[in-house]
Amino acid sequence: MLPALPLQNGGAGLVLLLWLVIAAGFLALVYFVYKDAQRNSQHPAFLWAIVVFLAPLLGLILYVLLGRNGGGRGGHSAARESRR
């Protein structure tokens, strides 16, 4: 007789746990982008959170490249302003 695969013997709990960890990480990412956009973006933070919610990887890349403006607290734009 062939040995049972791990997912055949109560592996549903493991799959559920893995799914919950991934879902919690996803929601934490959306929350982080929302809070960061409130501090470091001139665009509405709620819209950035929606973008990251609907397209996580692409939304995060777009937020980092287009959404952040330094916020005047030690960012690149603040360093540029201090040199003028």
PDB file of N, CA and C in Angstrom:
ATOM      1  N   MET A   1       0.837  -1.176   0.000  1.00  0.00           N
ATOM      2  CA  MET A   1       0.000   0.000   0.000  1.00  0.00           C
ATOM      3  C   MET A   1       0.882   1.239   0.000  1.00  0.00           C
ATOM      4  N   LEU A   2       0.480   2.243  -0.728  1.00  0.00           N
ATOM      5  CA  LEU A   2       1.245   3.488  -0.819  1.00  0.00           C
ATOM      6  C   LEU A   2       1.054   4.317   0.456  1.00  0.00           C
ATOM      7  N   PRO A   3       2.103   5.022   0.880  1.00  0.00           N
ATOM      8  CA  PRO A   3       1.940   5.883   2.068  1.00  0.00           C
ATOM      9  C   PRO A   3       1.028   7.068   1.738  1.00  0.00           C
ATOM     10  N   ALA A   4       0.320   7.529   2.730  1.00  0.00           N
ATOM     11  CA  ALA A   4      -0.601   8.654   2.548  1.00  0.00           C
ATOM     12  C   ALA A   4       0.184   9.948   2.393  1.00  0.00           C
ATOM     13  N   LEU A   5      -0.298  10.800   1.553  1.00  0.00           N
ATOM     14  CA  LEU A   5       0.304  12.116   1.405  1.00  0.00           C
ATOM     15  C   LEU A   5      -0.070  12.985   2.603  1.00  0.00           C
ATOM     16  N   PRO A   6       0.769  13.937   2.982  1.00  0.00           N
ATOM     17  CA  PRO A   6       0.471  14.760   4.161  1.00  0.00           C
ATOM     18  C   PRO A   6      -0.867  15.491   4.089  1.00  0.00           C
ATOM     19  N   LEU A   7      -1.278  15.913   2.922  1.00  0.00           N
ATOM     20  CA  LEU A   7      -2.535  16.649   2.808  1.00  0.00           C
ATOM     21  C   LEU A   7      -3.752  15.737   2.850  1.00  0.00           C
ATOM     22  N   GLN A   8      -3.550  14.421   2.801  1.00  0.00           N
ATOM     23  CA  GLN A   8      -4.671  13.499   2.874  1.00  0.00           C
ATOM     24  C   GLN A   8      -5.035  13.163   4.315  1.00  0.00           C
ATOM     25  N   ASN A   9      -4.138  13.418   5.248  1.00  0.00           N
ATOM     26  CA  ASN A   9      -4.392  13.082   6.645  1.00  0.00           C
ATOM     27  C   ASN A   9      -4.524  14.348   7.478  1.00  0.00           C
ATOM     28  N   GLY A  10      -5.638  15.008   7.371  1.00  0.00           N
ATOM     29  CA  GLY A  10      -5.865  16.189   8.193  1.00  0.00           C
ATOM     30  C   GLY A  10      -5.074  17.397   7.744  1.00  0.00           C
ATOM     31  N   GLY A  11      -4.635  17.433   6.537  1.00  0.00           N
ATOM     32  CA  GLY A  11      -3.871  18.561   6.028  1.00  0.00           C
ATOM     33  C   GLY A  11      -4.718  19.792   5.781  1.00  0.00           C
ATOM     34  N   ALA A  12      -6.025  19.641   5.893  1.00  0.00           N
ATOM     35  CA  ALA A  12      -6.908  20.787   5.674  1.00  0.00           C
ATOM     36  C   ALA A  12      -6.631  21.879   6.696  1.00  0.00           C
ATOM     37  N   GLY A  13      -6.296  21.486   7.916  1.00  0.00           N
ATOM     38  CA  GLY A  13      -5.953  22.473   8.943  1.00  0.00           C
ATOM     39  C   GLY A  13      -4.706  23.243   8.573  1.00  0.00           C
ATOM     40  N   LEU A  14      -3.728  22.559   8.003  1.00  0.00           N
ATOM     41  CA  LEU A  14      -2.493  23.215   7.572  1.00  0.00           C
ATOM     42  C   LEU A  14      -2.761  24.172   6.417  1.00  0.00           C
ATOM     43  N   VAL A  15      -3.586  23.746   5.496  1.00  0.00           N
ATOM     44  CA  VAL A  15      -3.932  24.604   4.358  1.00  0.00           C
ATOM     45  C   VAL A  15      -4.698  25.830   4.846  1.00  0.00           C
ATOM     46  N   LEU A  16      -5.611  25.635   5.778  1.00  0.00           N
ATOM     47  CA  LEU A  16      -6.373  26.758   6.327  1.00  0.00           C
ATOM     48  C   LEU A  16      -5.456  27.730   7.055  1.00  0.00           C
ATOM     49  N   LEU A  17      -4.538  27.196   7.837  1.00  0.00           N
ATOM     50  CA  LEU A  17      -3.582  28.050   8.544  1.00  0.00           C
ATOM     51  C   LEU A  17      -2.724  28.839   7.564  1.00  0.00           C
ATOM     52  N   LEU A  18      -2.241  28.195   6.523  1.00  0.00           N
ATOM     53  CA  LEU A  18      -1.438  28.881   5.508  1.00  0.00           C
ATOM     54  C   LEU A  18      -2.251  29.974   4.825  1.00  0.00           C
ATOM     55  N   TRP A  19      -3.511  29.676   4.505  1.00  0.00           N
ATOM     56  CA  TRP A  19      -4.379  30.664   3.874  1.00  0.00           C
ATOM     57  C   TRP A  19      -4.612  31.855   4.802  1.00  0.00           C
ATOM     58  N   LEU A  20      -4.816  31.594   6.091  1.00  0.00           N
ATOM     59  CA  LEU A  20      -5.027  32.683   7.049  1.00  0.00           C
ATOM     60  C   LEU A  20      -3.789  33.557   7.196  1.00  0.00           C
ATOM     61  N   VAL A  21      -2.608  32.954   7.183  1.00  0.00           N
ATOM     62  CA  VAL A  21      -1.368  33.729   7.277  1.00  0.00           C
ATOM     63  C   VAL A  21      -1.200  34.610   6.045  1.00  0.00           C
ATOM     64  N   ILE A  22      -1.476  34.063   4.877  1.00  0.00           N
ATOM     65  CA  ILE A  22      -1.360  34.844   3.641  1.00  0.00           C
ATOM     66  C   ILE A  22      -2.385  35.976   3.624  1.00  0.00           C
ATOM     67  N   ALA A  23      -3.617  35.688   4.037  1.00  0.00           N
ATOM     68  CA  ALA A  23      -4.666  36.718   4.074  1.00  0.00           C
ATOM     69  C   ALA A  23      -4.313  37.821   5.071  1.00  0.00           C
ATOM     70  N   ALA A  24      -3.780  37.442   6.234  1.00  0.00           N
ATOM     71  CA  ALA A  24      -3.382  38.448   7.227  1.00  0.00           C
ATOM     72  C   ALA A  24      -2.240  39.308   6.700  1.00  0.00           C
ATOM     73  N   GLY A  25      -1.294  38.703   6.012  1.00  0.00           N
ATOM     74  CA  GLY A  25      -0.199  39.467   5.415  1.00  0.00           C
ATOM     75  C   GLY A  25      -0.688  40.420   4.340  1.00  0.00           C
ATOM     76  N   PHE A  26      -1.640  39.964   3.549  1.00  0.00           N
ATOM     77  CA  PHE A  26      -2.220  40.803   2.503  1.00  0.00           C
ATOM     78  C   PHE A  26      -2.939  42.007   3.107  1.00  0.00           C
ATOM     79  N   LEU A  27      -3.760  41.765   4.131  1.00  0.00           N
ATOM     80  CA  LEU A  27      -4.478  42.867   4.771  1.00  0.00           C
ATOM     81  C   LEU A  27      -3.514  43.815   5.493  1.00  0.00           C
ATOM     82  N   ALA A  28      -2.444  43.272   6.061  1.00  0.00           N
ATOM     83  CA  ALA A  28      -1.434  44.121   6.693  1.00  0.00           C
ATOM     84  C   ALA A  28      -0.746  45.008   5.658  1.00  0.00           C
ATOM     85  N   LEU A  29      -0.510  44.480   4.468  1.00  0.00           N
ATOM     86  CA  LEU A  29       0.093  45.270   3.392  1.00  0.00           C
ATOM     87  C   LEU A  29      -0.826  46.420   2.980  1.00  0.00           C
ATOM     88  N   VAL A  30      -2.112  46.136   2.843  1.00  0.00           N
ATOM     89  CA  VAL A  30      -3.072  47.185   2.485  1.00  0.00           C
ATOM     90  C   VAL A  30      -3.112  48.256   3.571  1.00  0.00           C
ATOM     91  N   TYR A  31      -3.127  47.837   4.832  1.00  0.00           N
ATOM     92  CA  TYR A  31      -3.154  48.782   5.956  1.00  0.00           C
ATOM     93  C   TYR A  31      -1.874  49.617   5.998  1.00  0.00           C
ATOM     94  N   PHE A  32      -0.725  48.978   5.757  1.00  0.00           N
ATOM     95  CA  PHE A  32       0.540  49.707   5.752  1.00  0.00           C
ATOM     96  C   PHE A  32       0.551  50.773   4.662  1.00  0.00           C
ATOM     97  N   VAL A  33       0.093  50.426   3.470  1.00  0.00           N
ATOM     98  CA  VAL A  33       0.068  51.396   2.371  1.00  0.00           C
ATOM     99  C   VAL A  33      -0.873  52.548   2.715  1.00  0.00           C
ATOM    100  N   TYR A  34      -2.015  52.247   3.316  1.00  0.00           N
ATOM    101  CA  TYR A  34      -2.962  53.298   3.695  1.00  0.00           C
ATOM    102  C   TYR A  34      -2.325  54.255   4.700  1.00  0.00           C
ATOM    103  N   LYS A  35      -1.731  53.729   5.765  1.00  0.00           N
ATOM    104  CA  LYS A  35      -1.129  54.583   6.790  1.00  0.00           C
ATOM    105  C   LYS A  35       0.075  55.343   6.232  1.00  0.00           C
ATOM    106  N   ASP A  36       0.876  54.697   5.394  1.00  0.00           N
ATOM    107  CA  ASP A  36       2.036  55.358   4.817  1.00  0.00           C
ATOM    108  C   ASP A  36       1.606  56.451   3.846  1.00  0.00           C
ATOM    109  N   ALA A  37       0.550  56.204   3.095  1.00  0.00           N
ATOM    110  CA  ALA A  37       0.068  57.206   2.138  1.00  0.00           C
ATOM    111  C   ALA A  37      -0.518  58.410   2.865  1.00  0.00           C
ATOM    112  N   GLN A  38      -1.076  58.210   4.044  1.00  0.00           N
ATOM    113  CA  GLN A  38      -1.576  59.348   4.813  1.00  0.00           C
ATOM    114  C   GLN A  38      -0.434  60.286   5.188  1.00  0.00           C
ATOM    115  N   ARG A  39       0.731  59.736   5.467  1.00  0.00           N
ATOM    116  CA  ARG A  39       1.879  60.545   5.882  1.00  0.00           C
ATOM    117  C   ARG A  39       2.733  61.027   4.712  1.00  0.00           C
ATOM    118  N   ASN A  40       2.873  60.216   3.659  1.00  0.00           N
ATOM    119  CA  ASN A  40       3.894  60.483   2.646  1.00  0.00           C
ATOM    120  C   ASN A  40       3.374  60.669   1.233  1.00  0.00           C
ATOM    121  N   SER A  41       2.098  60.927   1.057  1.00  0.00           N
ATOM    122  CA  SER A  41       1.581  61.077  -0.296  1.00  0.00           C
ATOM    123  C   SER A  41       0.639  62.266  -0.368  1.00  0.00           C
ATOM    124  N   GLN A  42       0.672  62.927  -1.508  1.00  0.00           N
ATOM    125  CA  GLN A  42      -0.256  64.032  -1.716  1.00  0.00           C
ATOM    126  C   GLN A  42      -1.572  63.525  -2.303  1.00  0.00           C
ATOM    127  N   HIS A  43      -1.625  62.250  -2.695  1.00  0.00           N
ATOM    128  CA  HIS A  43      -2.829  61.633  -3.235  1.00  0.00           C
ATOM    129  C   HIS A  43      -3.655  61.046  -2.087  1.00  0.00           C
ATOM    130  N   PRO A  44      -4.953  60.822  -2.306  1.00  0.00           N
ATOM    131  CA  PRO A  44      -5.792  60.239  -1.250  1.00  0.00           C
ATOM    132  C   PRO A  44      -5.312  58.844  -0.843  1.00  0.00           C
ATOM    133  N   ALA A  45      -5.126  58.647   0.446  1.00  0.00           N
ATOM    134  CA  ALA A  45      -4.619  57.375   0.964  1.00  0.00           C
ATOM    135  C   ALA A  45      -5.600  56.239   0.690  1.00  0.00           C
ATOM    136  N   PHE A  46      -6.893  56.533   0.761  1.00  0.00           N
ATOM    137  CA  PHE A  46      -7.910  55.510   0.525  1.00  0.00           C
ATOM    138  C   PHE A  46      -7.795  54.938  -0.890  1.00  0.00           C
ATOM    139  N   LEU A  47      -7.506  55.781  -1.862  1.00  0.00           N
ATOM    140  CA  LEU A  47      -7.373  55.297  -3.238  1.00  0.00           C
ATOM    141  C   LEU A  47      -6.150  54.393  -3.404  1.00  0.00           C
ATOM    142  N   TRP A  48      -5.047  54.736  -2.734  1.00  0.00           N
ATOM    143  CA  TRP A  48      -3.870  53.873  -2.801  1.00  0.00           C
ATOM    144  C   TRP A  48      -4.154  52.528  -2.155  1.00  0.00           C
ATOM    145  N   ALA A  49      -4.915  52.531  -1.058  1.00  0.00           N
ATOM    146  CA  ALA A  49      -5.268  51.269  -0.406  1.00  0.00           C
ATOM    147  C   ALA A  49      -6.127  50.407  -1.336  1.00  0.00           C
ATOM    148  N   ILE A  50      -7.036  51.033  -2.063  1.00  0.00           N
ATOM    149  CA  ILE A  50      -7.876  50.282  -3.005  1.00  0.00           C
ATOM    150  C   ILE A  50      -7.031  49.709  -4.136  1.00  0.00           C
ATOM    151  N   VAL A  51      -6.089  50.488  -4.646  1.00  0.00           N
ATOM    152  CA  VAL A  51      -5.216  50.007  -5.724  1.00  0.00           C
ATOM    153  C   VAL A  51      -4.422  48.791  -5.261  1.00  0.00           C
ATOM    154  N   VAL A  52      -3.861  48.857  -4.054  1.00  0.00           N
ATOM    155  CA  VAL A  52      -3.080  47.734  -3.543  1.00  0.00           C
ATOM    156  C   VAL A  52      -3.986  46.540  -3.237  1.00  0.00           C
ATOM    157  N   PHE A  53      -5.214  46.794  -2.809  1.00  0.00           N
ATOM    158  CA  PHE A  53      -6.154  45.710  -2.540  1.00  0.00           C
ATOM    159  C   PHE A  53      -6.524  44.975  -3.825  1.00  0.00           C
ATOM    160  N   LEU A  54      -6.760  45.714  -4.906  1.00  0.00           N
ATOM    161  CA  LEU A  54      -7.207  45.100  -6.154  1.00  0.00           C
ATOM    162  C   LEU A  54      -6.070  44.455  -6.947  1.00  0.00           C
ATOM    163  N   ALA A  55      -4.876  45.035  -6.879  1.00  0.00           N
ATOM    164  CA  ALA A  55      -3.724  44.489  -7.607  1.00  0.00           C
ATOM    165  C   ALA A  55      -2.503  44.596  -6.694  1.00  0.00           C
ATOM    166  N   PRO A  56      -2.317  43.630  -5.795  1.00  0.00           N
ATOM    167  CA  PRO A  56      -1.308  43.775  -4.730  1.00  0.00           C
ATOM    168  C   PRO A  56       0.107  44.077  -5.220  1.00  0.00           C
ATOM    169  N   LEU A  57       0.660  43.259  -6.072  1.00  0.00           N
ATOM    170  CA  LEU A  57       2.054  43.465  -6.475  1.00  0.00           C
ATOM    171  C   LEU A  57       2.199  44.715  -7.342  1.00  0.00           C
ATOM    172  N   LEU A  58       1.384  44.842  -8.355  1.00  0.00           N
ATOM    173  CA  LEU A  58       1.439  46.013  -9.218  1.00  0.00           C
ATOM    174  C   LEU A  58       1.099  47.282  -8.449  1.00  0.00           C
ATOM    175  N   GLY A  59       0.094  47.217  -7.583  1.00  0.00           N
ATOM    176  CA  GLY A  59      -0.295  48.378  -6.796  1.00  0.00           C
ATOM    177  C   GLY A  59       0.811  48.841  -5.864  1.00  0.00           C
ATOM    178  N   LEU A  60       1.506  47.894  -5.235  1.00  0.00           N
ATOM    179  CA  LEU A  60       2.602  48.255  -4.346  1.00  0.00           C
ATOM    180  C   LEU A  60       3.746  48.899  -5.119  1.00  0.00           C
ATOM    181  N   ILE A  61       4.059  48.344  -6.272  1.00  0.00           N
ATOM    182  CA  ILE A  61       5.122  48.926  -7.105  1.00  0.00           C
ATOM    183  C   ILE A  61       4.732  50.333  -7.552  1.00  0.00           C
ATOM    184  N   LEU A  62       3.492  50.511  -7.990  1.00  0.00           N
ATOM    185  CA  LEU A  62       3.044  51.836  -8.406  1.00  0.00           C
ATOM    186  C   LEU A  62       3.069  52.820  -7.245  1.00  0.00           C
ATOM    187  N   TYR A  63       2.663  52.369  -6.061  1.00  0.00           N
ATOM    188  CA  TYR A  63       2.676  53.268  -4.908  1.00  0.00           C
ATOM    189  C   TYR A  63       4.090  53.702  -4.571  1.00  0.00           C
ATOM    190  N   VAL A  64       5.030  52.772  -4.574  1.00  0.00           N
ATOM    191  CA  VAL A  64       6.408  53.120  -4.232  1.00  0.00           C
ATOM    192  C   VAL A  64       6.995  54.063  -5.281  1.00  0.00           C
ATOM    193  N   LEU A  65       6.703  53.819  -6.563  1.00  0.00           N
ATOM    194  CA  LEU A  65       7.284  54.648  -7.622  1.00  0.00           C
ATOM    195  C   LEU A  65       6.566  55.985  -7.805  1.00  0.00           C
ATOM    196  N   LEU A  66       5.233  56.001  -7.678  1.00  0.00           N
ATOM    197  CA  LEU A  66       4.471  57.205  -8.008  1.00  0.00           C
ATOM    198  C   LEU A  66       3.813  57.883  -6.813  1.00  0.00           C
ATOM    199  N   GLY A  67       3.453  57.130  -5.794  1.00  0.00           N
ATOM    200  CA  GLY A  67       2.629  57.666  -4.731  1.00  0.00           C
ATOM    201  C   GLY A  67       3.375  58.376  -3.620  1.00  0.00           C
ATOM    202  N   ARG A  68       4.588  57.954  -3.340  1.00  0.00           N
ATOM    203  CA  ARG A  68       5.319  58.544  -2.219  1.00  0.00           C
ATOM    204  C   ARG A  68       6.023  59.814  -2.673  1.00  0.00           C
ATOM    205  N   ASN A  69       5.962  60.845  -1.841  1.00  0.00           N
ATOM    206  CA  ASN A  69       6.669  62.078  -2.176  1.00  0.00           C
ATOM    207  C   ASN A  69       7.576  62.533  -1.043  1.00  0.00           C
ATOM    208  N   GLY A  70       7.899  61.651  -0.117  1.00  0.00           N
ATOM    209  CA  GLY A  70       8.808  61.991   0.972  1.00  0.00           C
ATOM    210  C   GLY A  70       8.113  62.526   2.190  1.00  0.00           C
ATOM    211  N   GLY A  71       7.017  63.205   2.048  1.00  0.00           N
ATOM    212  CA  GLY A  71       6.255  63.699   3.172  1.00  0.00           C
ATOM    213  C   GLY A  71       6.933  64.779   3.984  1.00  0.00           C
ATOM    214  N   GLY A  72       8.108  65.238   3.566  1.00  0.00           N
ATOM    215  CA  GLY A  72       8.795  66.294   4.296  1.00  0.00           C
ATOM    216  C   GLY A  72       9.446  65.847   5.583  1.00  0.00           C
ATOM    217  N   ARG A  73       9.555  64.530   5.812  1.00  0.00           N
ATOM    218  CA  ARG A  73      10.164  64.034   7.040  1.00  0.00           C
ATOM    219  C   ARG A  73      11.330  63.113   6.706  1.00  0.00           C
ATOM    220  N   GLY A  74      12.388  63.667   6.183  1.00  0.00           N
ATOM    221  CA  GLY A  74      13.581  62.881   5.936  1.00  0.00           C
ATOM    222  C   GLY A  74      13.605  62.150   4.614  1.00  0.00           C
ATOM    223  N   GLY A  75      12.654  62.378   3.753  1.00  0.00           N
ATOM    224  CA  GLY A  75      12.631  61.713   2.463  1.00  0.00           C
ATOM    225  C   GLY A  75      13.586  62.368   1.488  1.00  0.00           C
ATOM    226  N   HIS A  76      13.632  61.846   0.289  1.00  0.00           N
ATOM    227  CA  HIS A  76      14.534  62.389  -0.729  1.00  0.00           C
ATOM    228  C   HIS A  76      14.174  63.834  -1.080  1.00  0.00           C
ATOM    229  N   SER A  77      12.866  64.145  -1.135  1.00  0.00           N
ATOM    230  CA  SER A  77      12.480  65.498  -1.493  1.00  0.00           C
ATOM    231  C   SER A  77      12.869  66.486  -0.398  1.00  0.00           C
ATOM    232  N   ALA A  78      12.840  66.072   0.860  1.00  0.00           N
ATOM    233  CA  ALA A  78      13.247  66.945   1.957  1.00  0.00           C
ATOM    234  C   ALA A  78      14.746  67.221   1.887  1.00  0.00           C
ATOM    235  N   ALA A  79      15.516  66.233   1.502  1.00  0.00           N
ATOM    236  CA  ALA A  79      16.956  66.428   1.381  1.00  0.00           C
ATOM    237  C   ALA A  79      17.271  67.396   0.231  1.00  0.00           C
ATOM    238  N   ARG A  80      16.512  67.284  -0.847  1.00  0.00           N
ATOM    239  CA  ARG A  80      16.708  68.191  -1.972  1.00  0.00           C
ATOM    240  C   ARG A  80      16.360  69.624  -1.580  1.00  0.00           C
ATOM    241  N   GLU A  81      15.280  69.795  -0.830  1.00  0.00           N
ATOM    242  CA  GLU A  81      14.852  71.142  -0.401  1.00  0.00           C
ATOM    243  C   GLU A  81      15.881  71.784   0.512  1.00  0.00           C
ATOM    244  N   SER A  82      16.524  70.994   1.370  1.00  0.00           N
ATOM    245  CA  SER A  82      17.479  71.561   2.310  1.00  0.00           C
ATOM    246  C   SER A  82      18.759  72.021   1.621  1.00  0.00           C
ATOM    247  N   ARG A  83      19.059  71.478   0.443  1.00  0.00           N
ATOM    248  CA  ARG A  83      20.268  71.868  -0.284  1.00  0.00           C
ATOM    249  C   ARG A  83      20.086  73.169  -1.050  1.00  0.00           C
ATOM    250  N   ARG A  84      18.872  73.597  -1.275  1.00  0.00           N
ATOM    251  CA  ARG A  84      18.634  74.813  -2.082  1.00  0.00           C
ATOM    252  C   ARG A  84      18.927  76.061  -1.321  1.00  0.00           C
TER     253      ARG A  84
END
